[in-house]
Amino acid sequence: MKNSLKKVFIAALGPGEISQGMAFAKYALSKGSAVSFAVLRKSNLPFLPKTSARFQKLLAPTPRKLNALVEKSRPDVLVLCNSKMFSWDAYFINHPPDPKPLTVSIDSNWLFFKESPYQSLPWTDRHYINLPKKVFRFGQKEFGGHYRISHEMLKKIKVVGMIPSYKSLPARVRSPIRRKYAKPGEKLIFLYASVGGLIKPEVFGTLTDVVEALCGQSCRIRVVHAGDYGLPRREQRRYPWLTYAGPVTTDEFYAILASSDLIFQHQGLGTLAQAISAGVPAIANVKDVRDERSPWHAHAWEVEPFARAGACMFFSFSDPIKKIITAIESLLYDEKKRQRMRQDQKAIYSAGELVVFEDIKRLLNCASR
């Protein structure tokens, strides 16, 4: 198939979506495409690399500005990282760029039902879902999940696997990282509990209770916290087994995560995707469904399909601490249970960038006939 994908225009909503867009941008650049990348906020521009002959970064704070940039660029495809981008704006819902290029989205959720307050733009031609196929299936109502997606909408959806996709790290890379954060014989737990610049006290509090109990049983454990919010010094002094990694790049974040024995996190699907890619057992600690304000979308509903696929375990904030202690102890020290989860993670892992690139090419070639 000829490479009909010469010019790609990517627009991303927030930091998580930017990481998805950049993963696809890197793949497209490696295949010879030129890429223009627009973000909504000036504060997000530093997430993008420097401009080059084939890469341009742009600012599009409004739908009209985004349309103007797309119309000037005249790309072969417009890639929306989040199909709900500007969907609250009546102008954008009814006015795609003119002429409208092939428009696709990269989404990491099940929110494609009529009652959802988060509606996809109606002029999106294809929705690429960056979840494992088994996980996406388990999230649907008819297969035991929460979300009901119409047959008509499913025709526009293609489940593609992980974007970004990650590679497991060799021992020669992991060994120096482990030596930095843990002594020989210690188990290393990676903690991610940061949300919107704040640390989730329920998640942090649960893990400290667990580790204190296990250390009291003579277990040797270290915890390294990475995120967008540093732990107060008093907390680091209070818990000698706790280390804050400090500000880290996305590559450093993954390297520490992939070098750990266990990941303990809140809902964050981006972190969970990295756990699956690295083959590291994971536990998610989320809000109880009964305490969720939204009747449409809950963290438990998002994480539960991953747990059903065997890729992680998950607990609610109200679950007994003894239950979580038992789970963490087993995933740290029971090699059979560790290996079973790693096998389940490997079974559902697939890289999505290639799938999306080739499908866009196919759609363009079909349109040109």
Protein backbone atom coordinates (compact mmCIF):
# COMPACT_ATOMS: atom_id res chain seq x y z
CA MET A 1 0.00 0.00 0.00
CA LYS A 2 1.45 3.37 -1.01
CA ASN A 3 2.08 5.96 1.68
CA SER A 4 -0.81 8.37 1.09
CA LEU A 5 -0.29 9.85 4.55
CA LYS A 6 1.99 12.79 3.81
CA LYS A 7 0.61 15.39 6.24
CA VAL A 8 -0.81 14.71 9.69
CA PHE A 9 -2.48 17.30 11.92
CA ILE A 10 -2.86 16.31 15.59
CA ALA A 11 -4.87 18.21 18.20
CA ALA A 12 -4.71 17.17 21.86
CA LEU A 13 -6.84 18.21 24.83
CA GLY A 14 -4.61 17.77 27.92
CA PRO A 15 -1.33 16.17 29.11
CA GLY A 16 -2.62 12.60 28.90
CA GLU A 17 -3.94 13.12 25.39
CA ILE A 18 -0.71 14.90 24.42
CA SER A 19 1.24 11.75 25.34
CA GLN A 20 -1.06 9.73 23.06
CA GLY A 21 -0.67 12.24 20.24
CA MET A 22 3.10 12.38 20.58
CA ALA A 23 3.37 8.59 20.45
CA PHE A 24 1.48 8.59 17.17
CA ALA A 25 3.40 11.65 15.93
CA LYS A 26 6.74 9.90 16.51
CA TYR A 27 5.53 6.87 14.57
CA ALA A 28 4.21 9.01 11.70
CA LEU A 29 7.48 10.97 11.54
CA SER A 30 9.42 7.69 11.40
CA LYS A 31 7.37 6.77 8.32
CA GLY A 32 8.12 10.03 6.53
CA SER A 33 4.97 12.01 7.30
CA ALA A 34 5.05 15.69 8.25
CA VAL A 35 3.26 16.49 11.52
CA SER A 36 1.58 19.62 12.87
CA PHE A 37 0.63 19.36 16.56
CA ALA A 38 -1.82 21.74 18.24
CA VAL A 39 -2.52 22.05 21.97
CA LEU A 40 -5.25 24.07 23.65
CA ARG A 41 -3.19 25.72 26.39
CA LYS A 42 0.09 27.60 26.22
CA SER A 43 1.20 25.86 29.42
CA ASN A 44 1.12 22.55 27.52
CA LEU A 45 3.51 23.64 24.76
CA PRO A 46 6.60 22.51 26.77
CA PHE A 47 5.27 18.93 26.57
CA LEU A 48 6.08 19.01 22.86
CA PRO A 49 9.60 18.67 21.41
CA LYS A 50 11.29 21.47 19.51
CA THR A 51 10.05 22.27 16.03
CA SER A 52 11.90 20.81 13.07
CA ALA A 53 11.59 20.64 9.31
CA ARG A 54 8.82 18.03 9.59
CA PHE A 55 7.34 18.87 12.99
CA GLN A 56 5.45 22.01 13.94
CA LYS A 57 3.87 22.83 17.30
CA LEU A 58 0.87 25.16 17.43
CA LEU A 59 -1.52 26.76 19.90
CA ALA A 60 -5.28 26.45 19.33
CA PRO A 61 -7.22 27.74 22.35
CA THR A 62 -10.57 28.02 20.51
CA PRO A 63 -12.45 25.96 17.90
CA ARG A 64 -12.23 28.77 15.37
CA LYS A 65 -8.46 28.98 15.82
CA LEU A 66 -8.12 25.21 15.44
CA ASN A 67 -10.22 25.25 12.29
CA ALA A 68 -8.12 28.07 10.83
CA LEU A 69 -4.90 26.15 11.49
CA VAL A 70 -6.26 22.95 9.97
CA GLU A 71 -7.59 24.78 6.91
CA LYS A 72 -4.20 26.44 6.39
CA SER A 73 -2.33 23.16 6.81
CA ARG A 74 -4.66 21.12 4.55
CA PRO A 75 -3.57 17.78 6.07
CA ASP A 76 -4.44 14.32 4.81
CA VAL A 77 -5.85 13.49 8.23
CA LEU A 78 -6.91 15.34 11.38
CA VAL A 79 -6.25 13.30 14.53
CA LEU A 80 -8.21 14.42 17.61
CA CYS A 81 -6.74 13.07 20.84
CA ASN A 82 -10.10 12.92 22.62
CA SER A 83 -13.14 12.97 20.34
CA LYS A 84 -14.96 15.12 22.93
CA MET A 85 -12.59 18.03 22.25
CA PHE A 86 -14.58 21.29 22.18
CA SER A 87 -17.77 19.18 22.08
CA TRP A 88 -19.28 21.66 24.56
CA ASP A 89 -19.04 24.34 21.86
CA ALA A 90 -22.05 24.48 19.51
CA TYR A 91 -19.97 26.13 16.79
CA PHE A 92 -17.46 23.29 16.66
CA ILE A 93 -20.16 20.59 16.73
CA ASN A 94 -21.71 22.06 13.58
CA HIS A 95 -18.63 23.47 11.87
CA PRO A 96 -15.76 21.12 11.04
CA PRO A 97 -12.79 22.58 9.14
CA ASP A 98 -13.61 23.44 5.54
CA PRO A 99 -12.66 21.48 3.56
CA LYS A 100 -12.90 18.73 6.16
CA PRO A 101 -10.04 16.23 6.00
CA LEU A 102 -10.45 12.62 7.05
CA THR A 103 -10.98 13.02 10.80
CA VAL A 104 -10.18 10.33 13.36
CA SER A 105 -9.85 10.27 17.13
CA ILE A 106 -7.79 8.45 19.73
CA ASP A 107 -9.88 7.75 22.83
CA SER A 108 -9.29 5.75 26.00
CA ASN A 109 -12.81 5.37 27.35
CA TRP A 110 -16.21 3.75 26.77
CA LEU A 111 -18.18 7.05 26.62
CA PHE A 112 -19.95 6.51 23.32
CA PHE A 113 -23.57 6.21 24.40
CA LYS A 114 -26.43 8.63 23.72
CA GLU A 115 -27.06 9.49 27.38
CA SER A 116 -23.45 10.45 28.05
CA PRO A 117 -22.90 14.15 28.81
CA TYR A 118 -19.58 13.80 26.97
CA GLN A 119 -20.58 13.52 23.32
CA SER A 120 -18.11 12.84 20.51
CA LEU A 121 -17.97 15.26 17.63
CA PRO A 122 -20.49 13.98 15.05
CA TRP A 123 -18.16 14.55 12.10
CA THR A 124 -15.43 12.22 13.37
CA ASP A 125 -15.04 9.45 10.77
CA ARG A 126 -13.31 6.85 12.95
CA HIS A 127 -12.72 6.37 16.69
CA TYR A 128 -9.54 4.51 17.61
CA ILE A 129 -9.79 3.11 21.14
CA ASN A 130 -6.38 2.70 22.76
CA LEU A 131 -7.37 -0.15 25.06
CA PRO A 132 -6.72 -3.89 24.81
CA LYS A 133 -9.55 -5.57 22.87
CA LYS A 134 -10.40 -7.88 25.78
CA VAL A 135 -10.59 -4.93 28.20
CA PHE A 136 -12.82 -2.90 25.87
CA ARG A 137 -15.14 -5.89 25.49
CA PHE A 138 -15.36 -6.38 29.27
CA GLY A 139 -16.29 -2.70 29.68
CA GLN A 140 -19.47 -3.10 27.61
CA LYS A 141 -22.80 -3.78 29.29
CA GLU A 142 -23.57 -6.95 27.37
CA PHE A 143 -20.29 -8.50 28.50
CA GLY A 144 -20.63 -7.66 32.18
CA GLY A 145 -19.37 -4.06 32.15
CA HIS A 146 -21.14 -0.76 32.70
CA TYR A 147 -21.20 0.95 29.32
CA ARG A 148 -23.82 0.40 26.61
CA ILE A 149 -22.62 1.35 23.12
CA SER A 150 -25.02 1.27 20.16
CA HIS A 151 -24.40 -1.04 17.23
CA GLU A 152 -24.34 2.01 14.96
CA MET A 153 -21.58 3.66 17.01
CA LEU A 154 -19.58 0.43 17.17
CA LYS A 155 -19.31 0.58 13.37
CA LYS A 156 -17.19 3.73 13.74
CA ILE A 157 -14.99 2.24 16.48
CA LYS A 158 -11.75 0.32 16.03
CA VAL A 159 -9.96 -1.02 19.12
CA VAL A 160 -6.23 -0.75 18.43
CA GLY A 161 -4.26 -1.53 21.59
CA MET A 162 -1.85 0.68 23.52
CA ILE A 163 -1.05 4.27 22.52
CA PRO A 164 1.49 5.09 23.78
CA SER A 165 2.90 1.58 23.68
CA TYR A 166 5.98 0.83 25.75
CA LYS A 167 8.72 -1.78 25.65
CA SER A 168 9.76 -3.83 28.68
CA LEU A 169 13.20 -2.79 29.92
CA PRO A 170 16.19 -5.17 29.96
CA ALA A 171 17.83 -6.04 33.28
CA ARG A 172 20.90 -3.92 32.47
CA VAL A 173 18.63 -0.83 32.45
CA ARG A 174 16.53 -1.80 35.46
CA SER A 175 19.41 -2.82 37.75
CA PRO A 176 20.94 0.65 38.36
CA ILE A 177 17.47 2.12 38.93
CA ARG A 178 16.69 -0.53 41.54
CA ARG A 179 20.02 0.14 43.25
CA LYS A 180 19.14 3.84 43.42
CA TYR A 181 15.80 3.31 45.17
CA ALA A 182 16.11 -0.04 46.97
CA LYS A 183 18.79 -2.01 48.78
CA PRO A 184 19.56 -5.65 47.90
CA GLY A 185 16.81 -7.90 49.18
CA GLU A 186 14.20 -5.13 49.40
CA LYS A 187 10.98 -5.18 47.39
CA LEU A 188 10.30 -1.96 45.47
CA ILE A 189 6.75 -0.57 45.20
CA PHE A 190 6.04 2.22 42.73
CA LEU A 191 3.37 4.60 44.03
CA TYR A 192 1.40 6.88 41.74
CA ALA A 193 -1.31 8.80 43.54
CA SER A 194 -1.18 12.29 42.02
CA VAL A 195 -4.26 13.84 40.43
CA GLY A 196 -4.40 17.39 39.08
CA GLY A 197 -1.42 18.53 41.15
CA LEU A 198 -2.71 16.98 44.40
CA ILE A 199 -1.94 13.65 46.00
CA LYS A 200 -4.90 11.37 46.70
CA PRO A 201 -4.84 11.01 50.51
CA GLU A 202 -6.94 7.83 50.45
CA VAL A 203 -4.47 6.04 48.15
CA PHE A 204 -1.39 7.29 49.99
CA GLY A 205 -2.92 6.52 53.38
CA THR A 206 -3.88 3.00 52.38
CA LEU A 207 -0.40 2.16 51.16
CA THR A 208 1.31 3.57 54.25
CA ASP A 209 -0.95 1.44 56.46
CA VAL A 210 -0.13 -1.65 54.39
CA VAL A 211 3.63 -1.11 54.31
CA GLU A 212 3.79 -0.29 58.02
CA ALA A 213 1.98 -3.57 58.75
CA LEU A 214 4.24 -5.60 56.45
CA CYS A 215 7.42 -3.98 57.79
CA GLY A 216 6.16 -4.93 61.24
CA GLN A 217 6.20 -8.52 59.98
CA SER A 218 9.88 -8.13 59.02
CA CYS A 219 9.19 -7.59 55.31
CA ARG A 220 11.82 -5.44 53.62
CA ILE A 221 10.02 -2.91 51.41
CA ARG A 222 10.82 0.39 49.77
CA VAL A 223 8.26 2.73 48.19
CA VAL A 224 9.14 5.29 45.54
CA HIS A 225 6.57 7.96 44.72
CA ALA A 226 6.58 9.68 41.33
CA GLY A 227 4.06 12.23 40.18
CA ASP A 228 3.33 15.90 39.75
CA TYR A 229 3.19 16.58 43.46
CA GLY A 230 5.98 16.06 45.97
CA LEU A 231 5.25 14.52 49.34
CA PRO A 232 5.74 16.84 52.31
CA ARG A 233 9.12 16.44 54.02
CA ARG A 234 7.41 15.47 57.25
CA GLU A 235 5.91 12.44 55.50
CA GLN A 236 9.29 11.41 54.13
CA ARG A 237 10.85 11.73 57.60
CA ARG A 238 7.97 9.83 59.19
CA TYR A 239 8.31 6.84 56.86
CA PRO A 240 11.95 5.79 56.37
CA TRP A 241 10.92 3.34 53.64
CA LEU A 242 9.47 6.16 51.48
CA THR A 243 11.32 8.09 48.76
CA TYR A 244 10.03 10.87 46.53
CA ALA A 245 11.66 10.61 43.09
CA GLY A 246 11.46 14.35 42.50
CA PRO A 247 10.49 15.91 39.16
CA VAL A 248 10.89 13.27 36.46
CA THR A 249 10.47 13.18 32.70
CA THR A 250 7.99 10.81 31.09
CA ASP A 251 10.87 8.47 30.18
CA GLU A 252 12.20 8.50 33.76
CA PHE A 253 8.69 7.88 35.10
CA TYR A 254 8.38 4.74 32.99
CA ALA A 255 11.90 3.55 33.77
CA ILE A 256 11.26 3.68 37.55
CA LEU A 257 7.84 2.07 37.15
CA ALA A 258 9.23 -0.71 34.96
CA SER A 259 12.02 -1.43 37.47
CA SER A 260 9.68 -1.95 40.42
CA ASP A 261 8.16 -5.16 41.81
CA LEU A 262 4.64 -3.79 42.20
CA ILE A 263 2.65 -0.71 41.18
CA PHE A 264 0.11 0.80 43.57
CA GLN A 265 -1.95 3.54 41.96
CA HIS A 266 -5.27 5.31 41.72
CA GLN A 267 -7.42 4.98 38.58
CA GLY A 268 -4.88 6.46 36.08
CA LEU A 269 -5.27 4.38 32.92
CA GLY A 270 -2.04 5.80 31.49
CA THR A 271 -0.08 4.42 34.43
CA LEU A 272 -1.94 1.11 34.21
CA ALA A 273 -1.09 0.85 30.50
CA GLN A 274 2.57 1.30 31.39
CA ALA A 275 2.31 -1.44 34.03
CA ILE A 276 0.89 -3.82 31.42
CA SER A 277 3.61 -2.89 28.92
CA ALA A 278 6.36 -3.40 31.50
CA GLY A 279 4.89 -6.64 32.84
CA VAL A 280 4.77 -5.37 36.44
CA PRO A 281 1.91 -6.54 38.73
CA ALA A 282 -0.43 -3.69 39.60
CA ILE A 283 -3.10 -2.76 42.14
CA ALA A 284 -5.53 0.15 41.65
CA ASN A 285 -7.17 1.80 44.66
CA VAL A 286 -10.27 3.78 43.66
CA LYS A 287 -13.32 5.56 45.02
CA ASP A 288 -16.35 3.45 45.88
CA VAL A 289 -19.02 3.57 43.17
CA ARG A 290 -21.60 4.64 45.76
CA ASP A 291 -19.52 7.76 46.47
CA GLU A 292 -19.16 8.81 42.83
CA ARG A 293 -21.01 11.99 41.94
CA SER A 294 -21.39 11.15 38.27
CA PRO A 295 -23.98 8.56 37.24
CA TRP A 296 -22.18 8.22 33.89
CA HIS A 297 -18.56 7.55 34.65
CA ALA A 298 -16.76 6.04 37.66
CA HIS A 299 -13.15 5.07 38.24
CA ALA A 300 -14.25 1.60 39.37
CA TRP A 301 -16.14 1.09 36.10
CA GLU A 302 -12.96 1.94 34.17
CA VAL A 303 -10.59 -0.24 36.17
CA GLU A 304 -12.82 -3.29 36.70
CA PRO A 305 -12.49 -4.54 33.06
CA PHE A 306 -8.69 -4.56 33.46
CA ALA A 307 -9.05 -6.60 36.65
CA ARG A 308 -11.40 -9.06 34.93
CA ALA A 309 -8.75 -9.51 32.23
CA GLY A 310 -6.21 -10.35 34.96
CA ALA A 311 -4.03 -7.32 34.23
CA CYS A 312 -4.40 -5.82 37.72
CA MET A 313 -6.26 -6.07 41.01
CA PHE A 314 -8.43 -3.26 42.29
CA PHE A 315 -9.89 -2.24 45.62
CA SER A 316 -12.25 0.48 46.76
CA PHE A 317 -11.40 2.96 49.51
CA SER A 318 -13.78 1.17 51.89
CA ASP A 319 -12.28 -2.31 51.45
CA PRO A 320 -10.79 -3.80 54.65
CA ILE A 321 -7.10 -3.03 55.02
CA LYS A 322 -6.37 -6.69 55.81
CA LYS A 323 -7.67 -7.64 52.39
CA ILE A 324 -5.30 -5.20 50.69
CA ILE A 325 -2.36 -6.31 52.86
CA THR A 326 -2.94 -9.90 51.74
CA ALA A 327 -3.11 -8.87 48.07
CA ILE A 328 0.07 -6.79 48.19
CA GLU A 329 1.97 -9.45 50.09
CA SER A 330 0.95 -12.10 47.56
CA LEU A 331 1.95 -9.99 44.54
CA LEU A 332 5.31 -9.22 46.14
CA TYR A 333 6.27 -12.67 47.39
CA ASP A 334 4.11 -15.34 45.70
CA GLU A 335 5.94 -16.00 42.45
CA LYS A 336 3.08 -18.06 40.97
CA LYS A 337 0.60 -15.21 41.45
CA ARG A 338 3.10 -12.67 40.12
CA GLN A 339 3.75 -14.78 37.05
CA ARG A 340 0.03 -15.37 36.42
CA MET A 341 -0.67 -11.63 36.34
CA ARG A 342 2.33 -10.98 34.13
CA GLN A 343 1.14 -13.64 31.69
CA ASP A 344 -2.33 -12.08 31.60
CA GLN A 345 -0.79 -8.66 30.98
CA LYS A 346 1.32 -10.03 28.15
CA ALA A 347 -1.72 -11.73 26.60
CA ILE A 348 -3.62 -8.45 26.18
CA TYR A 349 -0.70 -6.16 25.27
CA SER A 350 -0.40 -4.83 21.73
CA ALA A 351 1.10 -1.66 20.24
CA GLY A 352 -1.49 0.59 18.59
CA GLU A 353 0.53 3.18 16.66
CA LEU A 354 1.14 0.91 13.65
CA VAL A 355 -2.52 -0.20 13.57
CA VAL A 356 -3.77 3.40 13.48
CA PHE A 357 -1.25 4.52 10.87
CA GLU A 358 -2.06 1.67 8.50
CA ASP A 359 -5.82 2.01 8.95
CA ILE A 360 -5.67 5.73 8.17
CA LYS A 361 -3.72 4.92 5.01
CA ARG A 362 -6.37 2.35 4.06
CA LEU A 363 -9.18 4.86 4.59
CA LEU A 364 -7.37 7.48 2.50
CA ASN A 365 -6.71 5.02 -0.30
CA CYS A 366 -10.35 3.90 -0.32
CA ALA A 367 -11.50 7.52 -0.51
CA SER A 368 -9.21 8.26 -3.45
CA ARG A 369 -10.61 5.44 -5.63
